[in-house]
Structure formats: structure tokens, C-alpha cells
């Protein structure tokens, strides 16, 4: 998270640009929950949060498990993914905060370095 002290370094124009870009790129919590409901087992919410490796893992695990269900073994994999997305549900607020902090830091660094 960018501190008030860091923001004092920005002039008025830079601050307005920073605030605009942060608001534009900020991760939207309601959208994360919608993505979790619609495609949680496929990792949609994690992809939106920028957690690409986690999203890929959930997607691959779900697909492999679904195919393996044809021979019964995949039910265990689907159970694992189900538990995984339930844990995600209770961690979404933290993930959104982390993603937004990264967005703020990236934008701040871009403005300071230009």
C-alpha cells in the first residue's frame, strides 16, 4: 500500500493521474465474487486477481479430474478443487487487497520513474 508520505512526493498533476489510474485498474470485489460463483472451479476469479499460476492449477486440476471421473478416480480431484475454492471464498478479500496494493505500487513507480 502506498503511504501518505509517498504520495506527498507527487505534484498535483501526478497525484491526479495516480488516483485516476488506480481507480480505473482497481480490482472490483463484487466481480471477484461473481467470477468465483460462475467459474470458481475453473479459476476465473484467480485469473482476474492476477494469480495466474493458481488459476492454471485450478483449471488443469478440474479438467483432469472431470475426465478422470469417467473412471471414478477423478471424484477425489474434484473434491480437492471444491475444498480449494471454498478456502478461496474466505480469502478473496485478502487477495483483492493484495492485488490492489500491487496495482497502486506499480502505478506509483511508473509515475515516479517518468
Foldseek 3Di string as FASTA:
>chain_A
DDDPVLLVVDDPVLNVVLVVQLVVLQQDLVVLVVCCVVPVQQQRSCVSLVVVVVNNVSNVLLVVLVVCVVVPPSVVSVVVSVVVSVVVVVCVVVSSVVSSVVSSVVSSVVSVVD
